[in-house]
Amino acid sequence: NFQNVVNLNYQEDDDFNGVLYWIGTKGKTQIWQNPHKMGEINVFCSSPPSRYTVPFAVVNRTFCSTSFVSGSSMRPAFWGIDLGSNRSLICTYYSLQKDGSDVCITDWSLEGSNDSKDWEILQTHVKDKVSLSFPGKQSSFPISSKKAFRFFRIIVRGDCALQRHKLPLTGIEFYGLLNLQDDN
């Protein structure tokens, strides 16, 4: 079903090779705009929008001092991205940036789905006290996935060190093979 494949490889944090950057520049043909605000992707999360939960902020490519979602023991906190019905991604790398809070993110998973109901775990971090340990910290992670997904989410697992059930992120980016389907 997919006519075009774009290979978007991770080189370094804050590079211009990510999927969300590519979508926000319409294939690197125009100046970058926030892809959520453009209506090209949809950011969804476990909390309703508020002054601290601003969906477009996690794909804005700028640091936001306070940007978090909340959850509970029954429904863990998560940030998610819907690439749209005409796109899917075989993810090979992803980057996360922590907001400016003191909440330490130590346990999380990256999950993929094609229907936003059934989720497949692509990578899990357990007691990772280094990657997202201090305010503003950015880290990137290689993954080995062979399957393309339309939806991705970062979801809290276990307990965060200082505050349970919060996921304070100010940046998300994905890399890999982006499959594009003709709109026709």
N, C-alpha and C. Protein backbone atom coordinates (compact mmCIF):
# COMPACT_ATOMS: atom_id res chain seq x y z
N ASN A 1 0.80 -1.21 0.00
CA ASN A 1 0.00 0.00 0.00
C ASN A 1 0.84 1.27 0.00
N PHE A 2 2.10 1.17 0.42
CA PHE A 2 2.93 2.36 0.54
C PHE A 2 3.78 2.54 -0.71
N GLN A 3 3.72 3.75 -1.30
CA GLN A 3 4.42 4.03 -2.54
C GLN A 3 5.83 4.55 -2.33
N ASN A 4 6.08 5.26 -1.25
CA ASN A 4 7.37 5.89 -1.02
C ASN A 4 7.90 5.51 0.36
N VAL A 5 9.22 5.33 0.43
CA VAL A 5 9.89 5.09 1.70
C VAL A 5 11.01 6.11 1.83
N VAL A 6 11.05 6.80 2.97
CA VAL A 6 12.08 7.78 3.24
C VAL A 6 12.91 7.27 4.41
N ASN A 7 14.23 7.20 4.22
CA ASN A 7 15.13 6.73 5.25
C ASN A 7 15.63 7.93 6.06
N LEU A 8 15.23 8.00 7.31
CA LEU A 8 15.57 9.13 8.19
C LEU A 8 16.42 8.59 9.34
N ASN A 9 17.73 8.75 9.21
CA ASN A 9 18.68 8.16 10.15
C ASN A 9 19.12 9.14 11.23
N TYR A 10 19.17 8.65 12.45
CA TYR A 10 19.68 9.43 13.58
C TYR A 10 21.17 9.68 13.38
N GLN A 11 21.60 10.94 13.60
CA GLN A 11 23.01 11.27 13.60
C GLN A 11 23.45 11.79 14.97
N GLU A 12 22.64 12.70 15.54
CA GLU A 12 22.94 13.25 16.86
C GLU A 12 21.69 13.92 17.41
N ASP A 13 21.69 14.16 18.71
CA ASP A 13 20.56 14.84 19.33
C ASP A 13 20.35 16.20 18.66
N ASP A 14 19.09 16.58 18.47
CA ASP A 14 18.71 17.86 17.85
C ASP A 14 19.13 17.97 16.39
N ASP A 15 19.33 16.84 15.71
CA ASP A 15 19.66 16.92 14.29
C ASP A 15 18.40 17.24 13.48
N PHE A 16 18.55 17.32 12.17
CA PHE A 16 17.43 17.66 11.29
C PHE A 16 17.03 16.45 10.44
N ASN A 17 17.17 15.26 11.02
CA ASN A 17 16.92 14.02 10.28
C ASN A 17 15.72 13.24 10.79
N GLY A 18 15.04 13.73 11.81
CA GLY A 18 13.95 12.98 12.41
C GLY A 18 12.66 13.02 11.60
N VAL A 19 11.80 12.09 11.92
CA VAL A 19 10.51 11.96 11.24
C VAL A 19 9.64 13.19 11.48
N LEU A 20 9.55 13.65 12.72
CA LEU A 20 8.69 14.79 13.02
C LEU A 20 9.24 16.07 12.39
N TYR A 21 10.57 16.19 12.33
CA TYR A 21 11.17 17.32 11.62
C TYR A 21 10.84 17.23 10.13
N TRP A 22 10.98 16.06 9.56
CA TRP A 22 10.70 15.86 8.14
C TRP A 22 9.25 16.22 7.81
N ILE A 23 8.33 15.77 8.66
CA ILE A 23 6.91 16.09 8.45
C ILE A 23 6.67 17.60 8.61
N GLY A 24 7.31 18.21 9.61
CA GLY A 24 7.14 19.64 9.86
C GLY A 24 7.74 20.54 8.80
N THR A 25 8.60 19.99 7.94
CA THR A 25 9.18 20.76 6.84
C THR A 25 8.62 20.29 5.49
N LYS A 26 7.58 19.47 5.55
CA LYS A 26 6.97 18.90 4.33
C LYS A 26 8.06 18.28 3.44
N GLY A 27 8.83 17.38 4.07
CA GLY A 27 9.87 16.68 3.33
C GLY A 27 11.09 17.54 3.06
N LYS A 28 11.40 18.45 4.00
CA LYS A 28 12.53 19.38 3.91
C LYS A 28 12.40 20.32 2.71
N THR A 29 11.15 20.71 2.38
CA THR A 29 10.92 21.63 1.27
C THR A 29 10.50 23.02 1.74
N GLN A 30 10.29 23.18 3.05
CA GLN A 30 9.90 24.48 3.57
C GLN A 30 10.46 24.66 4.98
N ILE A 31 10.33 25.85 5.52
CA ILE A 31 10.79 26.13 6.87
C ILE A 31 9.96 25.31 7.85
N TRP A 32 10.61 24.80 8.90
CA TRP A 32 9.95 23.94 9.88
C TRP A 32 8.80 24.66 10.58
N GLN A 33 7.70 23.93 10.74
CA GLN A 33 6.57 24.35 11.56
C GLN A 33 6.20 23.16 12.45
N ASN A 34 5.58 23.44 13.56
CA ASN A 34 5.16 22.37 14.46
C ASN A 34 4.16 21.46 13.74
N PRO A 35 4.48 20.16 13.56
CA PRO A 35 3.60 19.28 12.79
C PRO A 35 2.24 19.02 13.44
N HIS A 36 2.16 19.14 14.76
CA HIS A 36 0.86 18.99 15.44
C HIS A 36 -0.01 20.21 15.13
N LYS A 37 0.55 21.40 15.23
CA LYS A 37 -0.21 22.62 14.93
C LYS A 37 -0.63 22.67 13.46
N MET A 38 0.18 22.08 12.58
CA MET A 38 -0.15 22.05 11.15
C MET A 38 -1.27 21.06 10.84
N GLY A 39 -1.55 20.16 11.79
CA GLY A 39 -2.55 19.12 11.57
C GLY A 39 -1.99 17.92 10.80
N GLU A 40 -0.68 17.83 10.71
CA GLU A 40 -0.03 16.72 9.99
C GLU A 40 0.09 15.47 10.86
N ILE A 41 0.22 15.67 12.16
CA ILE A 41 0.27 14.57 13.14
C ILE A 41 -0.67 14.94 14.27
N ASN A 42 -0.90 14.00 15.16
CA ASN A 42 -1.69 14.28 16.35
C ASN A 42 -0.94 13.79 17.58
N VAL A 43 -0.76 14.67 18.55
CA VAL A 43 -0.16 14.30 19.83
C VAL A 43 -1.32 14.00 20.78
N PHE A 44 -1.27 12.85 21.44
CA PHE A 44 -2.29 12.49 22.42
C PHE A 44 -1.60 12.09 23.71
N CYS A 45 -2.33 12.14 24.81
CA CYS A 45 -1.70 11.87 26.10
C CYS A 45 -2.72 11.39 27.13
N SER A 46 -2.20 11.01 28.29
CA SER A 46 -3.03 10.44 29.35
C SER A 46 -3.78 11.49 30.16
N SER A 47 -3.38 12.76 30.04
CA SER A 47 -4.03 13.84 30.81
C SER A 47 -4.76 14.78 29.86
N PRO A 48 -5.81 15.43 30.34
CA PRO A 48 -6.44 16.46 29.51
C PRO A 48 -5.50 17.66 29.39
N PRO A 49 -5.60 18.42 28.30
CA PRO A 49 -4.76 19.62 28.16
C PRO A 49 -4.94 20.56 29.34
N SER A 50 -3.83 21.17 29.76
CA SER A 50 -3.84 22.14 30.86
C SER A 50 -2.62 23.04 30.66
N ARG A 51 -2.37 23.91 31.61
CA ARG A 51 -1.20 24.80 31.47
C ARG A 51 0.10 24.02 31.53
N TYR A 52 0.09 22.80 32.08
CA TYR A 52 1.30 21.98 32.14
C TYR A 52 1.29 20.83 31.14
N THR A 53 0.15 20.58 30.54
CA THR A 53 0.01 19.51 29.55
C THR A 53 -0.43 20.14 28.24
N VAL A 54 0.55 20.48 27.42
CA VAL A 54 0.30 21.14 26.14
C VAL A 54 0.79 20.19 25.05
N PRO A 55 -0.13 19.50 24.38
CA PRO A 55 0.28 18.46 23.42
C PRO A 55 1.31 18.90 22.38
N PHE A 56 1.16 20.07 21.78
CA PHE A 56 2.11 20.46 20.74
C PHE A 56 3.52 20.68 21.28
N ALA A 57 3.66 20.91 22.59
CA ALA A 57 4.97 21.24 23.15
C ALA A 57 5.99 20.11 23.01
N VAL A 58 5.55 18.85 23.06
CA VAL A 58 6.52 17.74 22.99
C VAL A 58 7.09 17.53 21.59
N VAL A 59 6.51 18.19 20.58
CA VAL A 59 7.06 18.08 19.22
C VAL A 59 7.47 19.47 18.70
N ASN A 60 7.72 20.40 19.61
CA ASN A 60 7.98 21.79 19.23
C ASN A 60 9.45 22.12 18.96
N ARG A 61 10.36 21.21 19.28
CA ARG A 61 11.81 21.40 19.07
C ARG A 61 12.40 22.52 19.92
N THR A 62 11.68 22.96 20.95
CA THR A 62 12.22 23.95 21.88
C THR A 62 11.96 23.46 23.30
N PHE A 63 12.86 23.79 24.19
CA PHE A 63 12.75 23.36 25.58
C PHE A 63 11.58 24.07 26.26
N CYS A 64 10.81 23.30 27.00
CA CYS A 64 9.68 23.81 27.78
C CYS A 64 9.94 23.43 29.23
N SER A 65 9.99 24.40 30.13
CA SER A 65 10.39 24.11 31.50
C SER A 65 9.42 23.20 32.25
N THR A 66 8.13 23.28 31.94
CA THR A 66 7.16 22.41 32.59
C THR A 66 6.23 21.82 31.55
N SER A 67 6.36 20.52 31.33
CA SER A 67 5.55 19.83 30.34
C SER A 67 5.40 18.38 30.78
N PHE A 68 4.28 18.06 31.39
CA PHE A 68 4.11 16.69 31.87
C PHE A 68 2.68 16.22 31.72
N VAL A 69 2.54 14.90 31.73
CA VAL A 69 1.23 14.27 31.79
C VAL A 69 1.19 13.46 33.06
N SER A 70 -0.01 13.22 33.54
CA SER A 70 -0.21 12.45 34.76
C SER A 70 -0.96 11.17 34.43
N GLY A 71 -0.86 10.23 35.34
CA GLY A 71 -1.57 8.98 35.22
C GLY A 71 -1.93 8.47 36.59
N SER A 72 -2.25 7.20 36.65
CA SER A 72 -2.59 6.55 37.92
C SER A 72 -2.12 5.11 37.85
N SER A 73 -2.32 4.37 38.91
CA SER A 73 -1.93 2.96 38.90
C SER A 73 -2.77 2.18 37.89
N MET A 74 -3.98 2.65 37.62
CA MET A 74 -4.87 1.98 36.67
C MET A 74 -4.60 2.41 35.23
N ARG A 75 -4.11 3.65 35.06
CA ARG A 75 -3.84 4.18 33.73
C ARG A 75 -2.54 4.98 33.79
N PRO A 76 -1.43 4.33 33.44
CA PRO A 76 -0.12 5.00 33.53
C PRO A 76 -0.04 6.23 32.62
N ALA A 77 0.81 7.17 33.01
CA ALA A 77 1.04 8.38 32.22
C ALA A 77 1.70 8.02 30.89
N PHE A 78 1.27 8.71 29.81
CA PHE A 78 1.90 8.50 28.51
C PHE A 78 1.75 9.73 27.63
N TRP A 79 2.71 9.88 26.71
CA TRP A 79 2.65 10.81 25.58
C TRP A 79 2.63 9.95 24.34
N GLY A 80 1.78 10.27 23.37
CA GLY A 80 1.69 9.49 22.14
C GLY A 80 1.67 10.36 20.90
N ILE A 81 2.06 9.75 19.78
CA ILE A 81 2.09 10.42 18.48
C ILE A 81 1.34 9.55 17.47
N ASP A 82 0.40 10.16 16.77
CA ASP A 82 -0.27 9.53 15.63
C ASP A 82 0.32 10.16 14.38
N LEU A 83 1.04 9.36 13.58
CA LEU A 83 1.68 9.87 12.37
C LEU A 83 0.69 10.17 11.25
N GLY A 84 -0.54 9.70 11.39
CA GLY A 84 -1.56 9.93 10.36
C GLY A 84 -1.81 8.68 9.55
N SER A 85 -2.98 8.62 8.92
CA SER A 85 -3.40 7.41 8.20
C SER A 85 -2.56 7.11 6.97
N ASN A 86 -1.82 8.10 6.48
CA ASN A 86 -1.01 7.88 5.28
C ASN A 86 0.48 7.66 5.58
N ARG A 87 0.81 7.43 6.87
CA ARG A 87 2.21 7.22 7.25
C ARG A 87 2.34 6.07 8.26
N SER A 88 3.45 5.37 8.14
CA SER A 88 3.86 4.41 9.18
C SER A 88 5.37 4.44 9.25
N LEU A 89 5.92 3.98 10.36
CA LEU A 89 7.35 4.07 10.59
C LEU A 89 7.89 2.76 11.15
N ILE A 90 8.97 2.28 10.54
CA ILE A 90 9.79 1.24 11.16
C ILE A 90 10.84 2.01 11.96
N CYS A 91 10.63 2.10 13.24
CA CYS A 91 11.46 2.94 14.10
C CYS A 91 12.79 2.25 14.40
N THR A 92 13.89 2.98 14.18
CA THR A 92 15.23 2.46 14.46
C THR A 92 15.92 3.22 15.59
N TYR A 93 15.40 4.38 15.93
CA TYR A 93 15.99 5.24 16.97
C TYR A 93 14.90 6.18 17.47
N TYR A 94 15.00 6.61 18.70
CA TYR A 94 14.12 7.66 19.19
C TYR A 94 14.86 8.51 20.21
N SER A 95 14.43 9.76 20.33
CA SER A 95 15.04 10.72 21.26
C SER A 95 13.97 11.27 22.18
N LEU A 96 14.36 11.48 23.43
CA LEU A 96 13.48 12.09 24.43
C LEU A 96 14.23 13.21 25.13
N GLN A 97 13.51 14.26 25.49
CA GLN A 97 14.09 15.31 26.32
C GLN A 97 13.17 15.54 27.51
N LYS A 98 13.78 15.54 28.69
CA LYS A 98 13.05 15.76 29.93
C LYS A 98 12.78 17.24 30.13
N ASP A 99 11.66 17.58 30.75
CA ASP A 99 11.36 18.99 31.03
C ASP A 99 12.25 19.50 32.17
N GLY A 100 11.95 20.68 32.68
CA GLY A 100 12.80 21.29 33.70
C GLY A 100 12.49 20.91 35.13
N SER A 101 11.60 19.96 35.33
CA SER A 101 11.23 19.56 36.69
C SER A 101 12.27 18.63 37.30
N ASP A 102 12.10 18.39 38.61
CA ASP A 102 12.99 17.48 39.33
C ASP A 102 12.54 16.02 39.27
N VAL A 103 11.42 15.75 38.59
CA VAL A 103 10.93 14.38 38.49
C VAL A 103 11.90 13.58 37.62
N CYS A 104 12.41 12.50 38.15
CA CYS A 104 13.36 11.65 37.44
C CYS A 104 12.59 10.52 36.74
N ILE A 105 12.79 10.41 35.44
CA ILE A 105 12.13 9.34 34.68
C ILE A 105 13.10 8.16 34.65
N THR A 106 12.70 7.05 35.28
CA THR A 106 13.60 5.90 35.36
C THR A 106 13.05 4.64 34.69
N ASP A 107 11.73 4.53 34.60
CA ASP A 107 11.10 3.32 34.08
C ASP A 107 10.06 3.70 33.02
N TRP A 108 10.30 3.33 31.77
CA TRP A 108 9.35 3.63 30.70
C TRP A 108 9.50 2.65 29.56
N SER A 109 8.51 2.66 28.68
CA SER A 109 8.55 1.83 27.47
C SER A 109 8.18 2.69 26.26
N LEU A 110 8.76 2.33 25.13
CA LEU A 110 8.31 2.84 23.84
C LEU A 110 7.44 1.75 23.26
N GLU A 111 6.22 2.13 22.85
CA GLU A 111 5.29 1.16 22.28
C GLU A 111 4.81 1.63 20.91
N GLY A 112 4.46 0.67 20.06
CA GLY A 112 3.92 0.97 18.74
C GLY A 112 2.59 0.27 18.54
N SER A 113 1.74 0.87 17.69
CA SER A 113 0.42 0.31 17.41
C SER A 113 -0.02 0.76 16.02
N ASN A 114 -0.92 0.03 15.43
CA ASN A 114 -1.52 0.45 14.16
C ASN A 114 -3.00 0.80 14.31
N ASP A 115 -3.54 0.61 15.54
CA ASP A 115 -4.96 0.93 15.76
C ASP A 115 -5.18 1.75 17.04
N SER A 116 -4.14 2.07 17.76
CA SER A 116 -4.14 2.80 19.04
C SER A 116 -4.89 2.06 20.16
N LYS A 117 -5.14 0.77 19.96
CA LYS A 117 -5.78 -0.05 21.00
C LYS A 117 -4.85 -1.16 21.47
N ASP A 118 -4.26 -1.89 20.53
CA ASP A 118 -3.33 -2.96 20.85
C ASP A 118 -1.91 -2.45 20.67
N TRP A 119 -1.15 -2.45 21.77
CA TRP A 119 0.20 -1.88 21.77
C TRP A 119 1.25 -2.97 21.87
N GLU A 120 2.33 -2.80 21.13
CA GLU A 120 3.46 -3.71 21.15
C GLU A 120 4.65 -2.97 21.76
N ILE A 121 5.27 -3.57 22.77
CA ILE A 121 6.43 -2.94 23.41
C ILE A 121 7.64 -3.08 22.48
N LEU A 122 8.26 -1.94 22.15
CA LEU A 122 9.44 -1.92 21.29
C LEU A 122 10.72 -1.85 22.10
N GLN A 123 10.66 -1.19 23.25
CA GLN A 123 11.83 -1.09 24.13
C GLN A 123 11.36 -0.70 25.52
N THR A 124 12.00 -1.25 26.54
CA THR A 124 11.67 -0.91 27.93
C THR A 124 12.93 -0.51 28.67
N HIS A 125 12.83 0.51 29.49
CA HIS A 125 13.92 0.94 30.38
C HIS A 125 13.46 0.69 31.80
N VAL A 126 14.30 0.02 32.58
CA VAL A 126 13.99 -0.28 33.97
C VAL A 126 15.13 0.23 34.84
N LYS A 127 14.78 1.06 35.80
CA LYS A 127 15.75 1.65 36.73
C LYS A 127 16.90 2.33 36.00
N ASP A 128 16.57 3.02 34.92
CA ASP A 128 17.55 3.80 34.15
C ASP A 128 17.69 5.15 34.85
N LYS A 129 18.70 5.27 35.67
CA LYS A 129 18.87 6.48 36.48
C LYS A 129 19.81 7.49 35.83
N VAL A 130 20.17 7.27 34.56
CA VAL A 130 21.11 8.14 33.89
C VAL A 130 20.48 8.91 32.72
N SER A 131 19.75 8.21 31.85
CA SER A 131 19.31 8.78 30.57
C SER A 131 18.51 10.06 30.68
N LEU A 132 17.53 10.12 31.58
CA LEU A 132 16.66 11.30 31.72
C LEU A 132 16.66 11.74 33.18
N SER A 133 17.84 11.90 33.74
CA SER A 133 18.00 12.06 35.18
C SER A 133 17.92 13.49 35.69
N PHE A 134 18.18 14.49 34.85
CA PHE A 134 18.16 15.86 35.36
C PHE A 134 17.40 16.77 34.40
N PRO A 135 16.99 17.95 34.88
CA PRO A 135 16.19 18.86 34.06
C PRO A 135 16.84 19.18 32.72
N GLY A 136 16.05 19.04 31.64
CA GLY A 136 16.52 19.36 30.30
C GLY A 136 17.34 18.29 29.61
N LYS A 137 17.63 17.20 30.32
CA LYS A 137 18.48 16.15 29.76
C LYS A 137 17.82 15.52 28.54
N GLN A 138 18.61 15.33 27.49
CA GLN A 138 18.15 14.68 26.27
C GLN A 138 18.97 13.43 26.04
N SER A 139 18.29 12.36 25.66
CA SER A 139 18.96 11.09 25.36
C SER A 139 18.29 10.43 24.18
N SER A 140 19.07 9.64 23.45
CA SER A 140 18.56 8.94 22.27
C SER A 140 18.90 7.46 22.38
N PHE A 141 18.03 6.63 21.78
CA PHE A 141 18.11 5.19 22.00
C PHE A 141 17.91 4.43 20.69
N PRO A 142 18.84 3.54 20.36
CA PRO A 142 18.62 2.67 19.19
C PRO A 142 17.65 1.56 19.56
N ILE A 143 16.84 1.14 18.62
CA ILE A 143 15.96 -0.01 18.83
C ILE A 143 16.00 -0.87 17.58
N SER A 144 15.68 -2.12 17.75
CA SER A 144 15.64 -3.03 16.59
C SER A 144 14.21 -3.47 16.38
N SER A 145 13.56 -2.79 15.46
CA SER A 145 12.18 -3.11 15.13
C SER A 145 12.10 -3.40 13.64
N LYS A 146 11.33 -4.39 13.29
CA LYS A 146 11.16 -4.76 11.88
C LYS A 146 9.76 -4.42 11.38
N LYS A 147 8.90 -3.95 12.30
CA LYS A 147 7.50 -3.73 11.97
C LYS A 147 7.19 -2.23 11.92
N ALA A 148 6.39 -1.84 10.95
CA ALA A 148 5.97 -0.44 10.82
C ALA A 148 4.73 -0.17 11.67
N PHE A 149 4.70 1.00 12.30
CA PHE A 149 3.57 1.42 13.12
C PHE A 149 3.16 2.83 12.76
N ARG A 150 1.87 3.10 12.94
CA ARG A 150 1.31 4.44 12.76
C ARG A 150 1.36 5.23 14.07
N PHE A 151 1.11 4.57 15.19
CA PHE A 151 1.04 5.21 16.50
C PHE A 151 2.24 4.79 17.34
N PHE A 152 2.77 5.75 18.10
CA PHE A 152 3.84 5.47 19.05
C PHE A 152 3.49 6.16 20.37
N ARG A 153 3.92 5.55 21.47
CA ARG A 153 3.75 6.23 22.76
C ARG A 153 4.89 5.87 23.70
N ILE A 154 5.21 6.83 24.56
CA ILE A 154 6.15 6.65 25.66
C ILE A 154 5.27 6.54 26.89
N ILE A 155 5.39 5.43 27.61
CA ILE A 155 4.50 5.18 28.75
C ILE A 155 5.32 4.84 29.99
N VAL A 156 4.92 5.40 31.13
CA VAL A 156 5.60 5.15 32.40
C VAL A 156 5.40 3.70 32.82
N ARG A 157 6.45 3.09 33.29
CA ARG A 157 6.41 1.75 33.88
C ARG A 157 7.00 1.86 35.28
N GLY A 158 6.47 1.15 36.23
CA GLY A 158 7.03 1.20 37.58
C GLY A 158 6.85 2.57 38.19
N ASP A 159 7.78 2.96 39.02
CA ASP A 159 7.71 4.24 39.71
C ASP A 159 8.81 5.17 39.24
N CYS A 160 8.49 6.45 39.08
CA CYS A 160 9.52 7.46 38.89
C CYS A 160 10.10 7.74 40.28
N ALA A 161 11.33 8.16 40.32
CA ALA A 161 12.03 8.29 41.60
C ALA A 161 11.39 9.28 42.56
N LEU A 162 10.95 10.44 42.08
CA LEU A 162 10.44 11.46 42.99
C LEU A 162 8.92 11.59 43.01
N GLN A 163 8.27 11.40 41.86
CA GLN A 163 6.82 11.54 41.82
C GLN A 163 6.25 10.42 40.97
N ARG A 164 5.38 9.66 41.56
CA ARG A 164 4.78 8.53 40.88
C ARG A 164 3.74 8.98 39.84
N HIS A 165 3.73 8.29 38.72
CA HIS A 165 2.71 8.46 37.69
C HIS A 165 2.78 9.79 36.93
N LYS A 166 3.96 10.39 36.84
CA LYS A 166 4.13 11.59 36.01
C LYS A 166 5.16 11.29 34.94
N LEU A 167 4.95 11.90 33.77
CA LEU A 167 5.89 11.73 32.67
C LEU A 167 6.22 13.12 32.13
N PRO A 168 7.32 13.71 32.62
CA PRO A 168 7.69 15.07 32.25
C PRO A 168 8.61 15.11 31.02
N LEU A 169 8.02 15.26 29.83
CA LEU A 169 8.81 15.33 28.60
C LEU A 169 8.54 16.63 27.87
N THR A 170 9.59 17.19 27.29
CA THR A 170 9.47 18.40 26.49
C THR A 170 9.91 18.17 25.05
N GLY A 171 10.34 16.94 24.74
CA GLY A 171 10.76 16.65 23.39
C GLY A 171 10.70 15.17 23.06
N ILE A 172 10.20 14.88 21.85
CA ILE A 172 10.15 13.52 21.31
C ILE A 172 10.52 13.61 19.84
N GLU A 173 11.35 12.67 19.37
CA GLU A 173 11.64 12.56 17.95
C GLU A 173 11.86 11.09 17.63
N PHE A 174 11.51 10.70 16.41
CA PHE A 174 11.66 9.32 15.94
C PHE A 174 12.49 9.30 14.66
N TYR A 175 13.13 8.16 14.43
CA TYR A 175 13.96 7.96 13.24
C TYR A 175 13.67 6.58 12.68
N GLY A 176 13.97 6.40 11.40
CA GLY A 176 13.81 5.08 10.80
C GLY A 176 13.31 5.19 9.37
N LEU A 177 12.60 4.14 8.93
CA LEU A 177 12.05 4.09 7.58
C LEU A 177 10.60 4.55 7.63
N LEU A 178 10.37 5.74 7.06
CA LEU A 178 9.03 6.33 7.02
C LEU A 178 8.35 5.92 5.73
N ASN A 179 7.24 5.23 5.88
CA ASN A 179 6.45 4.78 4.73
C ASN A 179 5.35 5.79 4.47
N LEU A 180 5.27 6.23 3.21
CA LEU A 180 4.28 7.23 2.82
C LEU A 180 3.30 6.62 1.83
N GLN A 181 2.03 6.77 2.11
CA GLN A 181 0.99 6.25 1.23
C GLN A 181 0.38 7.41 0.47
N ASP A 182 0.14 7.20 -0.81
CA ASP A 182 -0.52 8.22 -1.61
C ASP A 182 -1.88 8.55 -1.02
N ASP A 183 -2.26 9.82 -1.04
CA ASP A 183 -3.56 10.24 -0.52
C ASP A 183 -4.73 9.76 -1.37
N ASN A 184 -4.45 9.35 -2.59
CA ASN A 184 -5.53 8.92 -3.52
C ASN A 184 -6.06 7.55 -3.19
